[in-house]
N, C-alpha and C. Protein backbone atom coordinates (compact mmCIF):
# COMPACT_ATOMS: atom_id res chain seq x y z
N MET A 1 0.84 -1.19 0.00
CA MET A 1 0.00 0.00 0.00
C MET A 1 0.87 1.24 0.00
N GLU A 2 0.49 2.20 -0.84
CA GLU A 2 1.24 3.44 -0.94
C GLU A 2 1.00 4.33 0.28
N ASP A 3 2.03 5.06 0.65
CA ASP A 3 1.95 6.08 1.68
C ASP A 3 1.66 7.40 0.98
N LEU A 4 0.37 7.73 0.78
CA LEU A 4 -0.02 8.89 -0.01
C LEU A 4 -0.07 10.17 0.82
N ILE A 5 0.30 11.27 0.17
CA ILE A 5 0.18 12.59 0.77
C ILE A 5 -0.32 13.56 -0.29
N HIS A 6 -0.78 14.71 0.17
CA HIS A 6 -0.92 15.83 -0.75
C HIS A 6 -0.27 17.04 -0.11
N VAL A 7 0.24 17.88 -0.99
CA VAL A 7 0.91 19.11 -0.59
C VAL A 7 0.24 20.24 -1.36
N ILE A 8 -0.07 21.31 -0.65
CA ILE A 8 -0.62 22.50 -1.30
C ILE A 8 0.36 23.63 -1.07
N TYR A 9 0.66 24.35 -2.14
CA TYR A 9 1.52 25.52 -1.99
C TYR A 9 1.02 26.64 -2.88
N VAL A 10 1.43 27.84 -2.56
CA VAL A 10 1.08 29.01 -3.33
C VAL A 10 2.38 29.69 -3.77
N SER A 11 2.39 30.19 -5.01
CA SER A 11 3.57 30.89 -5.50
C SER A 11 3.13 32.09 -6.32
N SER A 12 3.98 33.08 -6.34
CA SER A 12 3.68 34.27 -7.14
C SER A 12 4.08 34.01 -8.58
N ALA A 13 3.28 34.52 -9.49
CA ALA A 13 3.58 34.40 -10.92
C ALA A 13 4.50 35.55 -11.32
N ALA A 14 5.34 35.30 -12.28
CA ALA A 14 6.17 36.38 -12.83
C ALA A 14 5.23 37.44 -13.39
N PRO A 15 5.54 38.72 -13.21
CA PRO A 15 4.62 39.77 -13.65
C PRO A 15 4.35 39.77 -15.14
N ASP A 16 5.28 39.26 -15.92
CA ASP A 16 5.12 39.28 -17.38
C ASP A 16 4.75 37.93 -17.96
N ILE A 17 4.16 37.03 -17.16
CA ILE A 17 3.82 35.69 -17.64
C ILE A 17 2.75 35.79 -18.73
N SER A 18 2.93 35.00 -19.77
CA SER A 18 1.99 35.00 -20.89
C SER A 18 1.26 33.66 -20.96
N GLU A 19 0.24 33.59 -21.80
CA GLU A 19 -0.47 32.32 -21.99
C GLU A 19 0.49 31.26 -22.54
N HIS A 20 1.38 31.67 -23.45
CA HIS A 20 2.38 30.75 -24.00
C HIS A 20 3.28 30.20 -22.89
N ASP A 21 3.73 31.06 -21.99
CA ASP A 21 4.57 30.63 -20.88
C ASP A 21 3.83 29.63 -20.00
N THR A 22 2.55 29.89 -19.76
CA THR A 22 1.75 28.99 -18.92
C THR A 22 1.60 27.62 -19.57
N VAL A 23 1.33 27.60 -20.87
CA VAL A 23 1.20 26.33 -21.59
C VAL A 23 2.51 25.55 -21.54
N LYS A 24 3.62 26.24 -21.78
CA LYS A 24 4.94 25.60 -21.73
C LYS A 24 5.21 25.03 -20.33
N PHE A 25 4.93 25.84 -19.31
CA PHE A 25 5.13 25.42 -17.93
C PHE A 25 4.26 24.20 -17.60
N LEU A 26 3.00 24.23 -18.02
CA LEU A 26 2.11 23.09 -17.75
C LEU A 26 2.58 21.83 -18.45
N ASN A 27 3.05 21.95 -19.69
CA ASN A 27 3.57 20.78 -20.40
C ASN A 27 4.76 20.17 -19.67
N GLU A 28 5.67 21.01 -19.20
CA GLU A 28 6.83 20.53 -18.44
C GLU A 28 6.40 19.88 -17.13
N THR A 29 5.45 20.53 -16.45
CA THR A 29 4.96 20.01 -15.18
C THR A 29 4.28 18.65 -15.36
N ARG A 30 3.45 18.55 -16.38
CA ARG A 30 2.75 17.30 -16.63
C ARG A 30 3.71 16.17 -16.97
N LYS A 31 4.72 16.48 -17.74
CA LYS A 31 5.73 15.47 -18.09
C LYS A 31 6.47 14.98 -16.83
N ALA A 32 6.89 15.91 -15.99
CA ALA A 32 7.59 15.55 -14.75
C ALA A 32 6.67 14.78 -13.80
N ASN A 33 5.42 15.22 -13.68
CA ASN A 33 4.49 14.53 -12.80
C ASN A 33 4.19 13.12 -13.28
N ARG A 34 4.04 12.95 -14.59
CA ARG A 34 3.81 11.61 -15.15
C ARG A 34 4.98 10.69 -14.82
N LYS A 35 6.19 11.21 -15.00
CA LYS A 35 7.41 10.44 -14.71
C LYS A 35 7.47 10.02 -13.24
N ASN A 36 7.00 10.89 -12.35
CA ASN A 36 7.06 10.63 -10.90
C ASN A 36 5.78 10.06 -10.32
N ASP A 37 4.78 9.77 -11.17
CA ASP A 37 3.48 9.27 -10.73
C ASP A 37 2.85 10.20 -9.70
N VAL A 38 2.89 11.50 -10.01
CA VAL A 38 2.29 12.52 -9.17
C VAL A 38 1.12 13.13 -9.94
N SER A 39 0.04 13.40 -9.25
CA SER A 39 -1.12 14.03 -9.89
C SER A 39 -1.45 15.31 -9.13
N GLY A 40 -2.39 16.09 -9.67
CA GLY A 40 -2.74 17.30 -8.96
C GLY A 40 -3.57 18.29 -9.74
N MET A 41 -3.68 19.48 -9.16
CA MET A 41 -4.49 20.55 -9.70
C MET A 41 -3.80 21.87 -9.44
N MET A 42 -3.84 22.77 -10.44
CA MET A 42 -3.24 24.09 -10.30
C MET A 42 -4.27 25.14 -10.68
N LEU A 43 -4.36 26.18 -9.86
CA LEU A 43 -5.23 27.31 -10.15
C LEU A 43 -4.37 28.55 -10.31
N TYR A 44 -4.73 29.39 -11.27
CA TYR A 44 -4.10 30.70 -11.40
C TYR A 44 -5.14 31.71 -10.95
N ILE A 45 -4.83 32.45 -9.88
CA ILE A 45 -5.76 33.42 -9.31
C ILE A 45 -5.04 34.74 -9.13
N GLY A 46 -5.37 35.69 -9.95
CA GLY A 46 -4.90 37.06 -9.78
C GLY A 46 -3.43 37.23 -9.46
N GLY A 47 -2.56 36.64 -10.25
CA GLY A 47 -1.13 36.83 -10.05
C GLY A 47 -0.44 35.77 -9.22
N CYS A 48 -1.19 34.77 -8.77
CA CYS A 48 -0.61 33.68 -7.97
C CYS A 48 -1.06 32.33 -8.52
N PHE A 49 -0.24 31.34 -8.27
CA PHE A 49 -0.60 29.95 -8.57
C PHE A 49 -0.86 29.25 -7.24
N LEU A 50 -1.96 28.53 -7.16
CA LEU A 50 -2.28 27.69 -6.02
C LEU A 50 -2.26 26.27 -6.55
N GLN A 51 -1.41 25.43 -5.98
CA GLN A 51 -1.20 24.10 -6.55
C GLN A 51 -1.30 23.03 -5.48
N LEU A 52 -1.93 21.92 -5.87
CA LEU A 52 -1.99 20.72 -5.03
C LEU A 52 -1.29 19.61 -5.79
N LEU A 53 -0.35 18.95 -5.11
CA LEU A 53 0.33 17.78 -5.65
C LEU A 53 -0.01 16.60 -4.76
N GLU A 54 -0.22 15.43 -5.35
CA GLU A 54 -0.56 14.25 -4.56
C GLU A 54 0.10 13.03 -5.15
N GLY A 55 0.37 12.07 -4.28
CA GLY A 55 0.99 10.83 -4.70
C GLY A 55 1.75 10.21 -3.54
N GLU A 56 2.60 9.27 -3.88
CA GLU A 56 3.42 8.59 -2.86
C GLU A 56 4.33 9.64 -2.21
N ALA A 57 4.43 9.60 -0.89
CA ALA A 57 5.09 10.66 -0.12
C ALA A 57 6.49 11.00 -0.61
N ALA A 58 7.32 10.01 -0.80
CA ALA A 58 8.70 10.28 -1.22
C ALA A 58 8.76 10.96 -2.58
N ARG A 59 7.88 10.55 -3.48
CA ARG A 59 7.87 11.14 -4.83
C ARG A 59 7.37 12.58 -4.80
N VAL A 60 6.30 12.84 -4.03
CA VAL A 60 5.78 14.21 -3.93
C VAL A 60 6.82 15.11 -3.28
N ASP A 61 7.48 14.62 -2.23
CA ASP A 61 8.52 15.42 -1.57
C ASP A 61 9.67 15.74 -2.53
N THR A 62 10.04 14.78 -3.37
CA THR A 62 11.10 15.01 -4.34
C THR A 62 10.70 16.08 -5.35
N VAL A 63 9.47 15.99 -5.86
CA VAL A 63 8.96 17.00 -6.79
C VAL A 63 8.93 18.37 -6.12
N CYS A 64 8.48 18.42 -4.88
CA CYS A 64 8.41 19.69 -4.15
C CYS A 64 9.80 20.29 -3.94
N GLN A 65 10.79 19.47 -3.66
CA GLN A 65 12.16 19.99 -3.50
C GLN A 65 12.62 20.68 -4.78
N THR A 66 12.31 20.09 -5.92
CA THR A 66 12.67 20.70 -7.20
C THR A 66 11.92 22.02 -7.40
N ILE A 67 10.64 22.03 -7.11
CA ILE A 67 9.82 23.23 -7.29
C ILE A 67 10.32 24.36 -6.39
N PHE A 68 10.64 24.04 -5.16
CA PHE A 68 11.02 25.08 -4.20
C PHE A 68 12.42 25.64 -4.44
N ARG A 69 13.14 25.10 -5.42
CA ARG A 69 14.42 25.70 -5.82
C ARG A 69 14.21 26.92 -6.69
N ASP A 70 12.99 27.08 -7.21
CA ASP A 70 12.65 28.22 -8.06
C ASP A 70 12.88 29.52 -7.29
N LYS A 71 13.13 30.57 -8.02
CA LYS A 71 13.45 31.87 -7.40
C LYS A 71 12.21 32.66 -7.00
N ARG A 72 11.03 32.25 -7.46
CA ARG A 72 9.82 32.99 -7.10
C ARG A 72 9.48 32.80 -5.63
N GLU A 73 8.70 33.71 -5.12
CA GLU A 73 8.24 33.60 -3.73
C GLU A 73 7.23 32.47 -3.64
N MET A 74 7.46 31.53 -2.72
CA MET A 74 6.57 30.39 -2.54
C MET A 74 6.34 30.14 -1.06
N ARG A 75 5.19 29.55 -0.78
CA ARG A 75 4.87 29.19 0.60
C ARG A 75 4.08 27.90 0.61
N MET A 76 4.54 26.95 1.43
CA MET A 76 3.78 25.72 1.60
C MET A 76 2.57 26.05 2.49
N VAL A 77 1.41 25.68 2.01
CA VAL A 77 0.17 25.96 2.73
C VAL A 77 -0.23 24.77 3.58
N HIS A 78 0.01 23.57 3.05
CA HIS A 78 -0.50 22.37 3.73
C HIS A 78 0.23 21.12 3.23
N ARG A 79 0.46 20.19 4.13
CA ARG A 79 0.99 18.87 3.78
C ARG A 79 0.37 17.87 4.73
N GLU A 80 -0.27 16.84 4.17
CA GLU A 80 -0.90 15.84 5.05
C GLU A 80 -1.05 14.50 4.34
N PRO A 81 -1.13 13.43 5.11
CA PRO A 81 -1.40 12.11 4.53
C PRO A 81 -2.85 12.08 4.02
N ILE A 82 -3.07 11.31 2.96
CA ILE A 82 -4.41 11.13 2.41
C ILE A 82 -4.65 9.64 2.16
N ALA A 83 -5.91 9.26 2.15
CA ALA A 83 -6.26 7.86 1.91
C ALA A 83 -6.29 7.55 0.41
N VAL A 84 -6.82 8.49 -0.38
CA VAL A 84 -6.92 8.33 -1.83
C VAL A 84 -6.64 9.67 -2.50
N ARG A 85 -6.24 9.59 -3.75
CA ARG A 85 -5.99 10.81 -4.52
C ARG A 85 -7.32 11.46 -4.91
N GLU A 86 -7.34 12.77 -4.89
CA GLU A 86 -8.52 13.50 -5.33
C GLU A 86 -8.52 13.71 -6.85
N PHE A 87 -7.33 13.77 -7.45
CA PHE A 87 -7.20 14.04 -8.88
C PHE A 87 -6.37 12.95 -9.57
N PRO A 88 -6.73 11.68 -9.45
CA PRO A 88 -5.88 10.62 -9.97
C PRO A 88 -5.72 10.61 -11.49
N GLU A 89 -6.68 11.18 -12.22
CA GLU A 89 -6.61 11.16 -13.68
C GLU A 89 -5.76 12.26 -14.27
N TRP A 90 -5.40 13.26 -13.47
CA TRP A 90 -4.74 14.44 -14.00
C TRP A 90 -3.28 14.50 -13.58
N THR A 91 -2.38 14.54 -14.53
CA THR A 91 -0.98 14.82 -14.17
C THR A 91 -0.89 16.24 -13.64
N MET A 92 -1.73 17.13 -14.16
CA MET A 92 -1.88 18.47 -13.60
C MET A 92 -3.08 19.14 -14.25
N GLY A 93 -4.21 19.13 -13.53
CA GLY A 93 -5.37 19.88 -13.99
C GLY A 93 -5.07 21.36 -13.83
N PHE A 94 -5.72 22.20 -14.61
CA PHE A 94 -5.44 23.63 -14.55
C PHE A 94 -6.70 24.43 -14.82
N GLU A 95 -6.81 25.54 -14.10
CA GLU A 95 -7.86 26.50 -14.42
C GLU A 95 -7.43 27.87 -13.94
N ALA A 96 -7.68 28.87 -14.78
CA ALA A 96 -7.51 30.26 -14.37
C ALA A 96 -8.84 30.68 -13.76
N VAL A 97 -8.78 31.21 -12.55
CA VAL A 97 -9.99 31.59 -11.83
C VAL A 97 -9.91 33.07 -11.50
N ALA A 98 -10.96 33.80 -11.85
CA ALA A 98 -11.00 35.22 -11.51
C ALA A 98 -11.05 35.36 -9.99
N PRO A 99 -10.34 36.33 -9.44
CA PRO A 99 -10.35 36.51 -7.98
C PRO A 99 -11.76 36.65 -7.40
N LEU A 100 -12.65 37.36 -8.08
CA LEU A 100 -14.02 37.51 -7.57
C LEU A 100 -14.76 36.18 -7.55
N GLU A 101 -14.53 35.34 -8.56
CA GLU A 101 -15.16 34.02 -8.61
C GLU A 101 -14.63 33.14 -7.48
N ALA A 102 -13.34 33.16 -7.25
CA ALA A 102 -12.75 32.37 -6.16
C ALA A 102 -13.32 32.81 -4.82
N ALA A 103 -13.41 34.12 -4.61
CA ALA A 103 -13.97 34.65 -3.36
C ALA A 103 -15.43 34.24 -3.21
N ARG A 104 -16.19 34.30 -4.30
CA ARG A 104 -17.61 33.91 -4.26
C ARG A 104 -17.76 32.44 -3.90
N LEU A 105 -16.94 31.58 -4.50
CA LEU A 105 -17.02 30.15 -4.21
C LEU A 105 -16.74 29.84 -2.74
N LEU A 106 -15.87 30.62 -2.13
CA LEU A 106 -15.52 30.40 -0.73
C LEU A 106 -16.39 31.21 0.24
N GLY A 107 -17.15 32.16 -0.30
CA GLY A 107 -17.97 33.01 0.57
C GLY A 107 -17.12 33.98 1.38
N GLU A 108 -15.97 34.34 0.85
CA GLU A 108 -15.06 35.27 1.54
C GLU A 108 -14.71 36.41 0.58
N PRO A 109 -15.55 37.45 0.50
CA PRO A 109 -15.39 38.48 -0.53
C PRO A 109 -14.07 39.25 -0.50
N LEU A 110 -13.41 39.35 0.61
CA LEU A 110 -12.17 40.11 0.68
C LEU A 110 -10.92 39.25 0.54
N LEU A 111 -11.09 37.93 0.44
CA LEU A 111 -9.94 37.04 0.43
C LEU A 111 -9.01 37.28 -0.74
N PHE A 112 -9.53 37.59 -1.89
CA PHE A 112 -8.71 37.71 -3.09
C PHE A 112 -8.68 39.12 -3.67
N ASP A 113 -8.76 40.13 -2.81
CA ASP A 113 -8.76 41.49 -3.32
C ASP A 113 -7.36 42.02 -3.61
N SER A 114 -6.33 41.23 -3.33
CA SER A 114 -4.96 41.61 -3.70
C SER A 114 -4.09 40.35 -3.79
N VAL A 115 -2.98 40.49 -4.52
CA VAL A 115 -2.06 39.36 -4.67
C VAL A 115 -1.53 38.93 -3.31
N SER A 116 -1.26 39.87 -2.43
CA SER A 116 -0.70 39.50 -1.12
C SER A 116 -1.69 38.67 -0.32
N ARG A 117 -2.98 38.93 -0.48
CA ARG A 117 -3.97 38.12 0.24
C ARG A 117 -4.04 36.70 -0.33
N VAL A 118 -3.95 36.57 -1.64
CA VAL A 118 -3.94 35.24 -2.25
C VAL A 118 -2.74 34.47 -1.72
N ALA A 119 -1.59 35.13 -1.63
CA ALA A 119 -0.37 34.47 -1.17
C ALA A 119 -0.48 34.02 0.28
N ARG A 120 -1.39 34.63 1.04
CA ARG A 120 -1.54 34.25 2.46
C ARG A 120 -2.75 33.35 2.71
N ILE A 121 -3.27 32.72 1.67
CA ILE A 121 -4.46 31.87 1.81
C ILE A 121 -4.22 30.81 2.89
N GLU A 122 -5.24 30.56 3.67
CA GLU A 122 -5.17 29.55 4.73
C GLU A 122 -5.43 28.15 4.16
N SER A 123 -4.99 27.16 4.90
CA SER A 123 -5.07 25.76 4.49
C SER A 123 -6.49 25.32 4.11
N ASN A 124 -7.46 25.57 4.98
CA ASN A 124 -8.83 25.09 4.71
C ASN A 124 -9.42 25.76 3.49
N SER A 125 -9.18 27.06 3.31
CA SER A 125 -9.68 27.76 2.13
C SER A 125 -9.03 27.21 0.87
N ALA A 126 -7.73 26.95 0.92
CA ALA A 126 -7.02 26.41 -0.24
C ALA A 126 -7.57 25.04 -0.61
N LYS A 127 -7.72 24.16 0.37
CA LYS A 127 -8.24 22.82 0.10
C LYS A 127 -9.65 22.87 -0.48
N THR A 128 -10.49 23.72 0.09
CA THR A 128 -11.87 23.83 -0.39
C THR A 128 -11.93 24.34 -1.81
N LEU A 129 -11.18 25.39 -2.11
CA LEU A 129 -11.20 25.96 -3.45
C LEU A 129 -10.68 24.98 -4.49
N LEU A 130 -9.58 24.30 -4.21
CA LEU A 130 -9.04 23.32 -5.14
C LEU A 130 -10.05 22.19 -5.38
N SER A 131 -10.71 21.76 -4.33
CA SER A 131 -11.70 20.69 -4.46
C SER A 131 -12.91 21.14 -5.28
N ILE A 132 -13.42 22.33 -5.02
CA ILE A 132 -14.57 22.84 -5.77
C ILE A 132 -14.24 22.94 -7.26
N ILE A 133 -13.14 23.60 -7.56
CA ILE A 133 -12.77 23.79 -8.96
C ILE A 133 -12.46 22.43 -9.60
N GLY A 134 -11.77 21.57 -8.88
CA GLY A 134 -11.42 20.26 -9.41
C GLY A 134 -12.61 19.41 -9.75
N ARG A 135 -13.70 19.56 -9.01
CA ARG A 135 -14.89 18.76 -9.26
C ARG A 135 -15.65 19.21 -10.50
N ARG A 136 -15.37 20.37 -10.97
CA ARG A 136 -16.05 20.82 -12.19
C ARG A 136 -15.65 19.91 -13.35
N ARG A 137 -16.61 19.36 -13.99
CA ARG A 137 -16.30 18.43 -15.08
C ARG A 137 -16.00 19.14 -16.38
N TRP A 138 -16.38 20.35 -16.50
CA TRP A 138 -16.03 21.13 -17.68
C TRP A 138 -14.77 21.87 -17.33
N GLN A 139 -13.86 21.93 -18.23
CA GLN A 139 -12.68 22.75 -18.00
C GLN A 139 -11.87 22.80 -19.27
N SER A 140 -12.05 23.84 -20.01
CA SER A 140 -11.20 23.98 -21.19
C SER A 140 -11.05 25.44 -21.54
N ASP A 141 -9.95 25.77 -22.08
CA ASP A 141 -9.74 27.13 -22.59
C ASP A 141 -10.13 27.14 -24.06
N ARG A 142 -9.88 28.22 -24.74
CA ARG A 142 -10.28 28.34 -26.16
C ARG A 142 -9.70 27.22 -27.01
N SER A 143 -8.50 26.79 -26.72
CA SER A 143 -7.86 25.77 -27.55
C SER A 143 -8.17 24.35 -27.11
N GLY A 144 -8.77 24.19 -25.94
CA GLY A 144 -9.01 22.86 -25.40
C GLY A 144 -7.78 22.27 -24.75
N MET A 145 -6.70 23.04 -24.66
CA MET A 145 -5.43 22.56 -24.12
C MET A 145 -5.54 22.09 -22.67
N PHE A 146 -6.36 22.75 -21.89
CA PHE A 146 -6.42 22.43 -20.46
C PHE A 146 -7.63 21.59 -20.11
N ARG A 147 -8.21 20.96 -21.10
CA ARG A 147 -9.39 20.15 -20.85
C ARG A 147 -9.09 19.09 -19.80
N ALA A 148 -9.95 18.99 -18.82
CA ALA A 148 -9.73 18.05 -17.73
C ALA A 148 -11.07 17.47 -17.30
N ILE A 149 -11.51 16.46 -17.99
CA ILE A 149 -12.78 15.82 -17.64
C ILE A 149 -12.45 14.52 -16.93
N ARG A 150 -13.03 14.35 -15.76
CA ARG A 150 -12.77 13.14 -14.98
C ARG A 150 -13.38 11.94 -15.69
N ARG A 151 -12.66 10.85 -15.66
CA ARG A 151 -13.17 9.59 -16.19
C ARG A 151 -13.90 8.89 -15.06
N THR A 152 -14.91 8.16 -15.40
CA THR A 152 -15.60 7.37 -14.39
C THR A 152 -15.10 5.94 -14.47
N THR A 153 -15.08 5.28 -13.33
CA THR A 153 -14.61 3.89 -13.30
C THR A 153 -15.78 2.93 -13.49
N LYS A 154 -16.99 3.45 -13.36
CA LYS A 154 -18.18 2.62 -13.50
C LYS A 154 -18.77 2.83 -14.89
N ALA A 155 -19.08 1.74 -15.56
CA ALA A 155 -19.69 1.83 -16.88
C ALA A 155 -21.09 2.42 -16.75
N PRO A 156 -21.51 3.26 -17.70
CA PRO A 156 -22.86 3.82 -17.62
C PRO A 156 -23.91 2.73 -17.79
N GLU A 157 -25.01 2.92 -17.08
CA GLU A 157 -26.11 1.95 -17.18
C GLU A 157 -26.87 2.19 -18.46
N ILE A 158 -27.25 1.12 -19.12
CA ILE A 158 -28.02 1.22 -20.36
C ILE A 158 -29.47 0.91 -20.03
N SER A 159 -30.38 1.81 -20.42
CA SER A 159 -31.79 1.57 -20.11
C SER A 159 -32.51 0.89 -21.24
């Protein structure tokens, strides 16, 4: 049996990040996560990335060590053992979320009114937001690049 964990961290985005940079970054992340059998979800909210990584503890910790070598400002929000993965189908799900939408989903209107507040998100709010967004079965940008539809393990019933 695997010793599973998930780690949530928040990092600031480079001020000049473009859609092309994000796509390139996601492709690299997905490739590395596939290699390490790590799955997860990433949100871009008003100048910050909120990311959850999950998998076998040693592998997630190794991936996190690599990530935290980056020069951007980062903060670990949460690390805990889990019984099952929440995002097993995704090497890295992704969605850009407007700050007002994120605040509305959490019922905390002032939480995302500045980049510094996003960077200081608390553990429970981070977990809740990632879970809400992750459960959305629709998720695609104009190109369909970030499409992330969960697969079901149960065959549909035929009437």
